[in-house]
Amino acid sequence: MAFFVILLFGLIFTICGVLIKIKPPSKKSIYAYKTPFSLKNNDTWSEGNRIASNLMLLLGPFYLVLSLLNNSINLNTSSMIYPLIILPAMLLMAIPNMYLRFKFDENGFPKK
């Protein structure tokens, strides 16, 4: 079961990362990195989606390799596998947001 969940995460992250790179989303798109801060203006929107897609393209293959490792060395214990699934997904939300807050002020204008 865990093999398929991790494999699904890997495929979704990779596909979404490639999709955002190939066809950058509009604010109405269903596939996008949408947070209140990224919606401030077009600069925060495109920068947030650029960072999120780069992370998805790193995490997608990570999950795919993890699914193969899980299948080959049997990491099915929930105390090991669930943090490996959840932590990177949480980082996908946190890292772009921290980057945006570092690069832009609270109104969404670039910091000088």
Protein backbone atom coordinates (compact mmCIF):
# COMPACT_ATOMS: atom_id res chain seq x y z
CA MET A 1 0.00 0.00 0.00
CA ALA A 2 2.71 2.48 0.96
CA PHE A 3 4.51 1.75 -2.32
CA PHE A 4 1.53 2.98 -4.35
CA VAL A 5 0.97 6.07 -2.17
CA ILE A 6 4.60 7.14 -2.47
CA LEU A 7 4.63 6.34 -6.18
CA LEU A 8 1.49 8.44 -6.64
CA PHE A 9 3.07 11.38 -4.75
CA GLY A 10 6.14 11.13 -6.98
CA LEU A 11 4.14 11.06 -10.18
CA ILE A 12 1.86 13.93 -9.14
CA PHE A 13 4.73 16.14 -8.00
CA THR A 14 6.75 15.46 -11.14
CA ILE A 15 3.82 16.04 -13.49
CA CYS A 16 2.76 19.24 -11.69
CA GLY A 17 6.34 20.54 -11.63
CA VAL A 18 6.75 19.96 -15.36
CA LEU A 19 3.31 21.40 -16.10
CA ILE A 20 4.05 24.61 -14.17
CA LYS A 21 7.40 24.95 -15.97
CA ILE A 22 5.94 24.35 -19.44
CA LYS A 23 2.72 26.33 -19.00
CA PRO A 24 2.94 28.80 -16.11
CA PRO A 25 -0.43 28.93 -14.37
CA SER A 26 -2.75 31.90 -14.18
CA LYS A 27 -4.29 32.83 -10.86
CA LYS A 28 -7.46 30.96 -11.90
CA SER A 29 -5.62 27.72 -12.73
CA ILE A 30 -6.37 24.60 -10.74
CA TYR A 31 -2.67 23.67 -10.70
CA ALA A 32 -0.65 26.39 -9.02
CA TYR A 33 1.13 27.36 -5.83
CA LYS A 34 -1.62 29.47 -4.25
CA THR A 35 -1.09 31.14 -0.90
CA PRO A 36 -2.32 34.52 0.29
CA PHE A 37 1.21 35.90 -0.08
CA SER A 38 1.76 34.52 -3.58
CA LEU A 39 -1.53 36.10 -4.68
CA LYS A 40 -0.37 39.63 -3.70
CA ASN A 41 0.70 40.59 -7.25
CA ASN A 42 2.12 39.15 -10.47
CA ASP A 43 5.72 39.24 -9.21
CA THR A 44 5.01 37.19 -6.08
CA TRP A 45 2.75 34.90 -8.13
CA SER A 46 5.36 34.03 -10.76
CA GLU A 47 8.22 33.80 -8.27
CA GLY A 48 6.24 31.56 -5.90
CA ASN A 49 5.23 29.23 -8.72
CA ARG A 50 8.79 29.14 -10.07
CA ILE A 51 10.19 28.09 -6.68
CA ALA A 52 7.36 25.62 -6.05
CA SER A 53 7.82 23.97 -9.46
CA ASN A 54 11.57 23.62 -8.85
CA LEU A 55 10.85 21.93 -5.52
CA MET A 56 8.25 19.65 -7.13
CA LEU A 57 10.83 18.62 -9.71
CA LEU A 58 13.19 17.70 -6.85
CA LEU A 59 10.60 16.01 -4.66
CA GLY A 60 8.91 14.03 -7.46
CA PRO A 61 11.99 11.94 -8.26
CA PHE A 62 12.74 11.69 -4.50
CA TYR A 63 9.34 10.06 -3.98
CA LEU A 64 9.81 7.79 -7.00
CA VAL A 65 13.16 6.55 -5.64
CA LEU A 66 11.64 6.23 -2.17
CA SER A 67 8.84 4.07 -3.57
CA LEU A 68 11.39 1.75 -5.18
CA LEU A 69 13.42 1.61 -1.96
CA ASN A 70 10.27 0.93 0.03
CA ASN A 71 9.43 -1.95 -2.24
CA SER A 72 12.93 -3.42 -2.21
CA ILE A 73 13.90 -3.07 1.48
CA ASN A 74 10.39 -3.12 2.94
CA LEU A 75 10.09 0.19 4.82
CA ASN A 76 6.43 -0.50 5.55
CA THR A 77 6.66 0.47 9.22
CA SER A 78 4.52 3.55 9.62
CA SER A 79 6.95 5.17 12.04
CA MET A 80 9.52 5.38 9.23
CA ILE A 81 7.55 5.81 6.04
CA TYR A 82 4.92 8.42 6.97
CA PRO A 83 7.42 11.10 8.05
CA LEU A 84 9.26 10.48 4.78
CA ILE A 85 6.01 11.13 2.93
CA ILE A 86 4.66 14.06 4.95
CA LEU A 87 7.78 16.12 5.72
CA PRO A 88 8.80 16.85 2.10
CA ALA A 89 5.20 17.75 1.23
CA MET A 90 5.13 20.20 4.16
CA LEU A 91 8.42 21.68 2.98
CA LEU A 92 6.83 22.27 -0.42
CA MET A 93 4.43 24.69 1.25
CA ALA A 94 6.92 26.28 3.66
CA ILE A 95 10.02 26.90 1.54
CA PRO A 96 8.43 28.98 -1.26
CA ASN A 97 6.51 31.02 1.32
CA MET A 98 9.67 31.72 3.34
CA TYR A 99 11.49 32.66 0.13
CA LEU A 100 8.72 35.05 -0.90
CA ARG A 101 8.75 36.72 2.53
CA PHE A 102 12.53 37.07 2.30
CA LYS A 103 12.44 38.58 -1.21
CA PHE A 104 9.26 40.71 -0.95
CA ASP A 105 7.87 43.04 1.71
CA GLU A 106 4.44 42.50 3.33
CA ASN A 107 2.72 44.34 0.45
CA GLY A 108 4.37 42.16 -2.21
CA PHE A 109 6.92 44.70 -3.42
CA PRO A 110 10.54 43.61 -3.90
CA LYS A 111 12.76 44.43 -0.95
CA LYS A 112 15.64 46.75 -1.68
